[in-house]
Amino acid sequence: MRSWLEHVLSGPRWRLALEAWAIVVVAAALWQIVGKVHVYQWDVLVYWWGGRAFAHGQSPYGAIPGQPEYLHFVYPPIAAALFAPLAILKPSAAKLLWITLKALAFWLTVRLWRRAIGTEQHAVPPVFFFTFAFGSAALVDFTAGNIAVFVVVLAAQCKLTPVFFLGLLLVVDERPHWGPFLGGGALMAALVGANVLFFPGQTREFLASVSALGERGWGDPSTLGVMQDLVDQLRGLRLPLPGATAYALYLAAAALIVAHTVRWWRAQRVAGTARPLEIVLVTLATYALVMPRMKDYSYVALLPVAWYALAGRQAVTASLAVLAVLVPRPLPQLKLWLPLVPQPYVYAPLLAALVLWAMLTGIERDEAVAGRRSTDDIDEMSRGWRRSVVRAGSHDARR
C-alpha cells in the first residue's frame, strides 16, 4: 500500500494543492492555539475551573472569574471530580497537556474507525477532509479545547446524551444484547442517581444552567435551531406564531427521521442484508439530526460516516461540483429577506448530516428499486419470448 505522500504526489495537481492548503491551515491554527495559550482552548479552562471547585469543596456552577458570562460549567456535578487532576496544573500547562492528549486520541480514533470501515475514500484528499469536513468540526474542536474527541470514553461520563447509543446493542446484531444494554442502562441510572444523591444542590444548579442554554446557529447547528430560525423569520412576516411552534416542528422532524430510520433497519433485517457497520453509522447520523443541541465541534462524530459514504460513491466529484455551483448565497448587499437562504451556510454541518443520513438509509431502497426493475425486465422478456413462440406455432400450423 502506497504511503499518503506517494499517493498525493502521484495524483492530480488539484489534490496536491488542496492537501498543501489544508496543511498550511492546520499549521497556522496550531501556531496560534499554542502560541496564544491564554486565549484559545477556553473549554479547558472550564474543566480546570470545575476540577478546582470540586477539589476545594465548592460548586463549579456560576460565573468564572475573568471569563465571559457565557463560558461556564454545564456538565453534571460528578463530572467535576474527573477534572480535579487538572487543577494540580496551571491553566496554561493544563491546556498544553490537553491538546497533546487530544491529538493522540484523535489519531488513534481515526485509525480505529478506518480499520473498522475497511475501505478508503479517494474522492477528497485526507488532510483536506479532516480539516474542513462538517464546517471544520475537528479544527473547531481543537481550538475550543472541547472534550468531543474523547467522546468514546470520557465524554460519556461528562455528557448524558451518549446514552442514546445504548440502543445499538439491541439492533446491531441478529440477537439483541440485553445483558450489556441493561448493564449500561443501570450504570447510567447509577451515575445520574449519584449526582442527585451526593450533590443535590449542585444538581439543581446543573439543571438550571442547562435549561438556560439558548444557543443556535454557527455554534449550535441543530435541527431545533433551524426550526427556531424559521419561526423567527416567519414572525418577521408578521405571522402570529407562538414560541412553541419551533418545538412542535422540531419534534415532528425528529419523529419522521427516527421513524424512517426504524423502517430502514427493519427492511434490512427482513431482507437479510443487515450490516452492523452501516447500522452504527446511520445511528450516528440520526443522533446528529435529532439532538436538540448539537455543537459545531460535536460533528467530529460524523467523520467516519462521511468517510464511508464518500468511499462508496463514484459520482462524488460531480456532486461536489453541483454543490459548489448551486449553493445559495445570503446576498447581504441586497438587504432582502430571503427565507431559509442563509441556513445552508449557518447550518452546513447539519445539512451534511442530513445528506449522509439520506444516502445511507436510501441504499436498500435503491437496491430494491433496481431489483424490481430487473425483475420486471426479465418478466417482460419472458412474456415477449412466449408471444414469439405462440406466433411461430400458429404460423407453422397454418402452413
Protein backbone atom coordinates (compact mmCIF):
# COMPACT_ATOMS: atom_id res chain seq x y z
CA MET A 1 0.00 0.00 0.00
CA ARG A 2 1.35 3.38 -1.01
CA SER A 3 2.02 5.98 1.63
CA TRP A 4 -0.04 9.14 1.89
CA LEU A 5 2.80 11.23 0.41
CA GLU A 6 3.28 8.90 -2.56
CA HIS A 7 -0.44 8.88 -3.22
CA VAL A 8 -0.69 12.68 -3.13
CA LEU A 9 2.39 13.29 -5.28
CA SER A 10 1.31 10.78 -7.92
CA GLY A 11 -2.25 12.10 -8.12
CA PRO A 12 -3.74 15.12 -9.88
CA ARG A 13 -2.30 18.52 -9.06
CA TRP A 14 -5.59 19.73 -7.62
CA ARG A 15 -5.32 17.07 -4.89
CA LEU A 16 -1.80 18.20 -4.06
CA ALA A 17 -2.97 21.83 -3.96
CA LEU A 18 -5.85 21.00 -1.60
CA GLU A 19 -3.60 19.00 0.71
CA ALA A 20 -1.00 21.77 0.79
CA TRP A 21 -3.68 24.33 1.58
CA ALA A 22 -5.08 22.18 4.40
CA ILE A 23 -1.61 21.61 5.89
CA VAL A 24 -0.95 25.37 5.90
CA VAL A 25 -4.32 25.98 7.57
CA VAL A 26 -3.65 23.36 10.28
CA ALA A 27 -0.13 24.67 10.90
CA ALA A 28 -1.39 28.25 11.19
CA ALA A 29 -4.16 27.19 13.57
CA LEU A 30 -1.83 25.20 15.82
CA TRP A 31 0.70 28.05 15.84
CA GLN A 32 -1.97 30.39 17.18
CA ILE A 33 -3.56 27.89 19.58
CA VAL A 34 -0.23 27.03 21.20
CA GLY A 35 1.35 30.47 20.83
CA LYS A 36 -1.64 32.22 22.42
CA VAL A 37 -2.39 29.59 25.00
CA HIS A 38 -4.07 32.17 27.24
CA VAL A 39 -6.66 32.91 24.52
CA TYR A 40 -7.64 29.59 22.97
CA GLN A 41 -8.89 26.26 24.36
CA TRP A 42 -11.36 28.12 26.54
CA ASP A 43 -13.26 24.91 27.32
CA VAL A 44 -10.17 23.54 29.07
CA LEU A 45 -10.40 26.49 31.41
CA VAL A 46 -13.98 25.46 32.18
CA TYR A 47 -12.85 21.92 33.00
CA TRP A 48 -9.94 23.26 35.07
CA TRP A 49 -12.32 25.51 36.98
CA GLY A 50 -14.76 22.64 37.60
CA GLY A 51 -11.97 20.39 38.89
CA ARG A 52 -10.61 23.17 41.07
CA ALA A 53 -14.06 23.85 42.55
CA PHE A 54 -14.51 20.15 43.36
CA ALA A 55 -11.08 19.94 44.96
CA HIS A 56 -11.97 22.89 47.20
CA GLY A 57 -15.46 21.62 48.03
CA GLN A 58 -17.17 24.41 46.09
CA SER A 59 -19.85 24.50 43.40
CA PRO A 60 -18.46 24.54 39.83
CA TYR A 61 -21.50 26.42 38.55
CA GLY A 62 -21.86 30.13 38.08
CA ALA A 63 -19.60 32.72 36.52
CA ILE A 64 -15.88 32.02 36.15
CA PRO A 65 -13.78 34.99 37.32
CA GLY A 66 -12.28 36.93 34.44
CA GLN A 67 -14.19 34.98 31.76
CA PRO A 68 -17.20 35.85 29.59
CA GLU A 69 -20.61 35.20 31.12
CA TYR A 70 -21.49 32.51 28.56
CA LEU A 71 -18.40 30.47 29.50
CA HIS A 72 -19.42 28.32 32.44
CA PHE A 73 -19.53 24.72 33.65
CA VAL A 74 -22.52 22.87 32.08
CA TYR A 75 -21.73 19.26 32.99
CA PRO A 76 -23.20 17.03 35.71
CA PRO A 77 -21.69 17.66 39.18
CA ILE A 78 -19.93 14.32 39.34
CA ALA A 79 -18.00 15.20 36.15
CA ALA A 80 -16.14 17.88 38.11
CA ALA A 81 -14.42 15.08 40.05
CA LEU A 82 -12.98 13.72 36.78
CA PHE A 83 -11.41 17.10 36.06
CA ALA A 84 -9.93 17.51 39.54
CA PRO A 85 -6.43 16.31 38.42
CA LEU A 86 -6.28 19.27 36.01
CA ALA A 87 -6.44 21.64 38.97
CA ILE A 88 -2.96 20.50 40.02
CA LEU A 89 -1.55 22.28 36.97
CA LYS A 90 -1.62 25.91 35.99
CA PRO A 91 -4.20 26.68 33.26
CA SER A 92 -1.54 27.13 30.56
CA ALA A 93 0.14 23.81 31.41
CA ALA A 94 -3.26 22.09 31.53
CA LYS A 95 -4.06 23.41 28.06
CA LEU A 96 -0.79 22.17 26.58
CA LEU A 97 -1.26 18.74 28.14
CA TRP A 98 -4.86 18.66 26.96
CA ILE A 99 -4.14 19.44 23.30
CA THR A 100 -1.34 16.85 23.27
CA LEU A 101 -3.68 14.17 24.61
CA LYS A 102 -6.40 15.28 22.20
CA ALA A 103 -4.08 14.96 19.21
CA LEU A 104 -3.08 11.45 20.29
CA ALA A 105 -6.71 10.45 20.92
CA PHE A 106 -7.78 11.85 17.55
CA TRP A 107 -5.05 9.95 15.71
CA LEU A 108 -5.88 6.67 17.48
CA THR A 109 -9.62 7.09 16.97
CA VAL A 110 -9.22 7.74 13.25
CA ARG A 111 -7.01 4.67 12.88
CA LEU A 112 -9.58 2.55 14.72
CA TRP A 113 -12.60 3.59 12.69
CA ARG A 114 -10.74 3.48 9.39
CA ARG A 115 -9.75 -0.10 10.19
CA ALA A 116 -13.34 -0.90 11.17
CA ILE A 117 -14.73 0.61 7.96
CA GLY A 118 -12.21 -1.37 5.93
CA THR A 119 -12.37 0.82 2.84
CA GLU A 120 -10.68 4.01 1.75
CA GLN A 121 -12.21 7.02 0.06
CA HIS A 122 -10.28 8.81 -2.67
CA ALA A 123 -12.84 11.45 -3.61
CA VAL A 124 -11.42 14.02 -1.17
CA PRO A 125 -7.76 14.26 -0.06
CA PRO A 126 -7.48 13.06 3.57
CA VAL A 127 -5.85 16.09 5.22
CA PHE A 128 -8.29 18.37 3.41
CA PHE A 129 -11.14 16.12 4.57
CA PHE A 130 -10.20 16.17 8.25
CA THR A 131 -9.51 19.91 8.15
CA PHE A 132 -12.72 21.11 6.51
CA ALA A 133 -15.34 18.37 6.96
CA PHE A 134 -18.56 19.47 8.67
CA GLY A 135 -17.61 23.11 8.87
CA SER A 136 -14.09 22.30 10.11
CA ALA A 137 -15.52 20.46 13.12
CA ALA A 138 -12.16 18.95 14.11
CA LEU A 139 -10.40 22.32 13.82
CA VAL A 140 -13.12 23.97 15.91
CA ASP A 141 -12.82 21.21 18.49
CA PHE A 142 -9.06 21.66 18.88
CA THR A 143 -9.42 25.43 19.02
CA ALA A 144 -12.11 25.30 21.68
CA GLY A 145 -10.36 22.54 23.61
CA ASN A 146 -13.62 20.65 23.98
CA ILE A 147 -13.97 17.07 25.14
CA ALA A 148 -15.69 15.93 21.92
CA VAL A 149 -12.64 13.98 20.64
CA PHE A 150 -12.74 11.91 23.83
CA VAL A 151 -16.41 11.08 23.29
CA VAL A 152 -15.79 7.34 23.04
CA VAL A 153 -14.53 7.01 26.61
CA LEU A 154 -14.61 10.12 28.74
CA ALA A 155 -17.40 12.22 27.27
CA ALA A 156 -19.92 9.53 28.05
CA GLN A 157 -19.29 10.25 31.74
CA CYS A 158 -19.49 14.03 31.32
CA LYS A 159 -22.45 14.29 28.98
CA LEU A 160 -25.71 12.42 29.39
CA THR A 161 -26.66 12.26 25.69
CA PRO A 162 -24.40 9.29 24.68
CA VAL A 163 -26.95 7.04 26.41
CA PHE A 164 -28.68 7.36 23.01
CA PHE A 165 -26.25 4.78 21.64
CA LEU A 166 -27.19 2.06 24.12
CA GLY A 167 -29.98 1.17 21.72
CA LEU A 168 -27.39 -0.09 19.25
CA LEU A 169 -26.89 -3.13 21.48
CA LEU A 170 -30.42 -4.25 20.57
CA VAL A 171 -30.22 -3.82 16.79
CA VAL A 172 -26.60 -4.08 15.63
CA ASP A 173 -26.59 -7.91 15.60
CA GLU A 174 -29.21 -10.53 14.81
CA ARG A 175 -29.75 -11.20 18.51
CA PRO A 176 -30.25 -8.30 20.92
CA HIS A 177 -27.55 -7.94 23.58
CA TRP A 178 -29.90 -7.47 26.52
CA GLY A 179 -27.25 -8.03 29.18
CA PRO A 180 -24.91 -5.19 28.13
CA PHE A 181 -27.93 -3.00 27.34
CA LEU A 182 -29.44 -3.42 30.79
CA GLY A 183 -26.00 -3.11 32.38
CA GLY A 184 -25.29 0.12 30.52
CA GLY A 185 -28.72 1.48 31.43
CA ALA A 186 -28.17 0.58 35.08
CA LEU A 187 -24.74 2.24 35.06
CA MET A 188 -26.20 5.39 33.51
CA ALA A 189 -29.00 5.42 36.08
CA ALA A 190 -26.41 4.98 38.85
CA LEU A 191 -24.39 7.93 37.54
CA VAL A 192 -27.47 10.14 37.37
CA GLY A 193 -28.57 8.95 40.81
CA ALA A 194 -25.13 9.62 42.26
CA ASN A 195 -25.39 13.24 41.16
CA VAL A 196 -28.76 13.63 42.87
CA LEU A 197 -27.72 11.70 45.98
CA PHE A 198 -24.30 13.22 46.66
CA PHE A 199 -24.74 16.67 45.08
CA PRO A 200 -28.45 17.58 45.32
CA GLY A 201 -27.88 21.33 45.39
CA GLN A 202 -25.37 21.29 42.54
CA THR A 203 -27.68 19.03 40.51
CA ARG A 204 -30.36 21.71 40.70
CA GLU A 205 -27.76 24.27 39.58
CA PHE A 206 -26.76 21.99 36.72
CA LEU A 207 -30.36 21.57 35.52
CA ALA A 208 -30.92 25.32 35.76
CA SER A 209 -27.78 26.08 33.73
CA VAL A 210 -28.69 23.54 31.05
CA SER A 211 -32.28 24.76 30.75
CA ALA A 212 -30.99 28.33 30.35
CA LEU A 213 -28.89 27.45 27.29
CA GLY A 214 -30.23 29.22 24.22
CA GLU A 215 -27.56 28.56 21.62
CA ARG A 216 -28.26 28.09 17.94
CA GLY A 217 -26.73 28.96 14.61
CA TRP A 218 -23.00 28.89 13.99
CA GLY A 219 -22.05 27.43 17.36
CA ASP A 220 -25.02 25.06 17.62
CA PRO A 221 -26.19 23.98 14.15
CA SER A 222 -29.01 21.70 15.29
CA THR A 223 -32.45 20.83 13.91
CA LEU A 224 -34.10 22.70 16.77
CA GLY A 225 -32.06 25.79 15.86
CA VAL A 226 -33.23 25.58 12.24
CA MET A 227 -36.86 25.50 13.37
CA GLN A 228 -36.35 28.40 15.76
CA ASP A 229 -34.74 30.44 12.99
CA LEU A 230 -37.60 29.57 10.64
CA VAL A 231 -40.23 30.66 13.18
CA ASP A 232 -38.36 33.91 13.80
CA GLN A 233 -38.26 34.57 10.06
CA LEU A 234 -41.98 33.86 9.70
CA ARG A 235 -42.65 36.23 12.57
CA GLY A 236 -40.77 38.80 10.52
CA LEU A 237 -43.67 38.50 8.06
CA ARG A 238 -46.00 39.36 10.95
CA LEU A 239 -47.33 35.84 11.29
CA PRO A 240 -48.55 35.42 14.90
CA LEU A 241 -46.76 32.15 15.68
CA PRO A 242 -46.35 31.10 19.33
CA GLY A 243 -42.89 30.20 20.63
CA ALA A 244 -43.90 26.54 20.97
CA THR A 245 -44.23 26.28 17.18
CA ALA A 246 -40.49 25.78 16.80
CA TYR A 247 -40.51 22.91 19.31
CA ALA A 248 -43.51 21.30 17.60
CA LEU A 249 -41.76 21.46 14.22
CA TYR A 250 -38.58 20.06 15.74
CA LEU A 251 -40.40 17.14 17.39
CA ALA A 252 -42.23 16.37 14.14
CA ALA A 253 -38.98 16.38 12.16
CA ALA A 254 -37.21 14.22 14.74
CA ALA A 255 -40.12 11.76 14.78
CA LEU A 256 -40.05 11.45 10.99
CA ILE A 257 -36.29 10.87 10.97
CA VAL A 258 -36.48 8.21 13.68
CA ALA A 259 -39.47 6.51 12.01
CA HIS A 260 -37.70 6.36 8.65
CA THR A 261 -34.54 5.04 10.30
CA VAL A 262 -36.53 2.26 12.01
CA ARG A 263 -38.21 1.34 8.72
CA TRP A 264 -34.80 1.21 7.05
CA TRP A 265 -33.45 -1.08 9.77
CA ARG A 266 -36.49 -3.38 9.56
CA ALA A 267 -36.20 -3.61 5.77
CA GLN A 268 -32.57 -4.62 6.12
CA ARG A 269 -33.43 -7.21 8.75
CA VAL A 270 -36.24 -8.70 6.66
CA ALA A 271 -34.08 -8.83 3.53
CA GLY A 272 -31.22 -10.41 5.47
CA THR A 273 -28.83 -7.67 4.41
CA ALA A 274 -28.29 -6.00 7.79
CA ARG A 275 -24.74 -4.65 8.05
CA PRO A 276 -23.63 -3.83 11.61
CA LEU A 277 -21.23 -1.16 10.34
CA GLU A 278 -23.95 0.68 8.43
CA ILE A 279 -26.34 0.43 11.39
CA VAL A 280 -23.74 2.15 13.59
CA LEU A 281 -23.05 4.86 11.01
CA VAL A 282 -26.74 5.54 10.38
CA THR A 283 -27.25 5.80 14.15
CA LEU A 284 -24.50 8.41 14.34
CA ALA A 285 -26.14 10.45 11.58
CA THR A 286 -29.57 10.06 13.21
CA TYR A 287 -28.14 11.23 16.52
CA ALA A 288 -26.82 14.41 14.93
CA LEU A 289 -30.18 15.11 13.29
CA VAL A 290 -32.45 14.59 16.30
CA MET A 291 -30.41 16.09 19.13
CA PRO A 292 -31.92 19.42 20.27
CA ARG A 293 -28.40 20.72 20.94
CA MET A 294 -25.59 19.75 18.58
CA LYS A 295 -22.49 21.89 18.96
CA ASP A 296 -20.34 22.63 15.93
CA TYR A 297 -17.41 20.59 17.26
CA SER A 298 -19.67 17.62 18.07
CA TYR A 299 -19.85 16.83 14.36
CA VAL A 300 -16.44 15.16 14.64
CA ALA A 301 -18.53 12.09 15.50
CA LEU A 302 -19.74 12.03 11.88
CA LEU A 303 -16.29 11.92 10.28
CA PRO A 304 -16.43 8.11 9.83
CA VAL A 305 -19.94 8.44 8.37
CA ALA A 306 -18.71 10.87 5.71
CA TRP A 307 -15.60 8.77 5.03
CA TYR A 308 -17.73 5.66 4.43
CA ALA A 309 -20.25 7.49 2.25
CA LEU A 310 -17.52 9.07 0.11
CA ALA A 311 -15.80 5.70 -0.31
CA GLY A 312 -18.95 4.14 -1.73
CA ARG A 313 -19.95 6.76 -4.27
CA GLN A 314 -18.37 7.04 -7.71
CA ALA A 315 -20.13 10.27 -8.67
CA VAL A 316 -18.96 12.26 -5.68
CA THR A 317 -16.89 14.66 -7.77
CA ALA A 318 -19.96 15.64 -9.78
CA SER A 319 -21.95 16.06 -6.55
CA LEU A 320 -19.28 18.36 -5.16
CA ALA A 321 -19.33 20.39 -8.35
CA VAL A 322 -23.11 20.73 -8.19
CA LEU A 323 -22.89 21.84 -4.56
CA ALA A 324 -20.19 24.37 -5.34
CA VAL A 325 -22.18 25.80 -8.25
CA LEU A 326 -25.67 25.82 -6.77
CA VAL A 327 -25.20 26.55 -3.06
CA PRO A 328 -27.35 29.62 -2.26
CA ARG A 329 -25.83 32.89 -1.06
CA PRO A 330 -27.36 35.16 1.61
CA LEU A 331 -26.77 38.25 -0.59
CA PRO A 332 -26.42 40.74 2.26
CA GLN A 333 -25.70 43.55 -0.19
CA LEU A 334 -29.33 43.43 -1.38
CA LYS A 335 -30.76 43.74 2.14
CA LEU A 336 -33.62 41.42 1.23
CA TRP A 337 -35.34 38.90 3.46
CA LEU A 338 -34.82 35.56 1.72
CA PRO A 339 -36.43 32.70 3.68
CA LEU A 340 -34.04 29.87 4.62
CA VAL A 341 -31.34 31.16 2.26
CA PRO A 342 -28.72 31.87 4.99
CA GLN A 343 -29.30 28.48 6.65
CA PRO A 344 -27.12 26.39 4.27
CA TYR A 345 -24.15 28.44 5.48
CA VAL A 346 -25.05 28.63 9.16
CA TYR A 347 -26.25 25.04 9.45
CA ALA A 348 -23.86 23.44 6.94
CA PRO A 349 -22.79 20.59 9.33
CA LEU A 350 -26.44 19.70 9.98
CA LEU A 351 -27.16 19.76 6.25
CA ALA A 352 -24.21 17.43 5.68
CA ALA A 353 -25.53 15.06 8.35
CA LEU A 354 -28.95 15.06 6.65
CA VAL A 355 -27.42 14.29 3.24
CA LEU A 356 -25.33 11.43 4.64
CA TRP A 357 -28.30 10.01 6.56
CA ALA A 358 -30.43 10.12 3.40
CA MET A 359 -27.67 8.45 1.36
CA LEU A 360 -27.15 5.61 3.82
CA THR A 361 -30.81 4.93 4.56
CA GLY A 362 -31.60 5.09 0.84
CA ILE A 363 -29.20 2.30 -0.12
CA GLU A 364 -31.66 -0.50 0.49
CA ARG A 365 -34.47 1.39 -1.25
CA ASP A 366 -32.30 1.98 -4.32
CA GLU A 367 -31.29 -1.68 -4.38
CA ALA A 368 -34.90 -2.74 -4.01
CA VAL A 369 -35.99 -0.47 -6.87
CA ALA A 370 -33.16 -1.78 -9.03
CA GLY A 371 -34.17 -5.32 -8.13
CA ARG A 372 -37.80 -4.69 -9.05
CA ARG A 373 -36.75 -3.12 -12.34
CA SER A 374 -34.55 -6.07 -13.24
CA THR A 375 -37.36 -8.48 -12.30
CA ASP A 376 -39.83 -6.52 -14.42
CA ASP A 377 -37.37 -6.56 -17.33
CA ILE A 378 -36.98 -10.33 -17.03
CA ASP A 379 -40.75 -10.81 -16.84
CA GLU A 380 -41.25 -8.60 -19.90
CA MET A 381 -38.59 -10.54 -21.80
CA SER A 382 -40.22 -13.80 -20.76
CA ARG A 383 -43.65 -12.64 -21.91
CA GLY A 384 -42.17 -11.42 -25.22
CA TRP A 385 -40.47 -14.79 -25.74
CA ARG A 386 -43.72 -16.64 -25.03
CA ARG A 387 -45.62 -14.43 -27.50
CA SER A 388 -42.96 -15.13 -30.11
CA VAL A 389 -43.26 -18.88 -29.55
CA VAL A 390 -47.04 -18.72 -29.80
CA ARG A 391 -46.91 -16.69 -33.03
CA ALA A 392 -44.36 -19.09 -34.50
CA GLY A 393 -46.52 -22.06 -33.56
CA SER A 394 -49.59 -20.51 -35.17
CA HIS A 395 -47.65 -19.77 -38.34
CA ASP A 396 -46.45 -23.38 -38.55
CA ALA A 397 -49.99 -24.65 -38.03
CA ARG A 398 -51.32 -22.52 -40.91
CA ARG A 399 -48.58 -23.85 -43.15
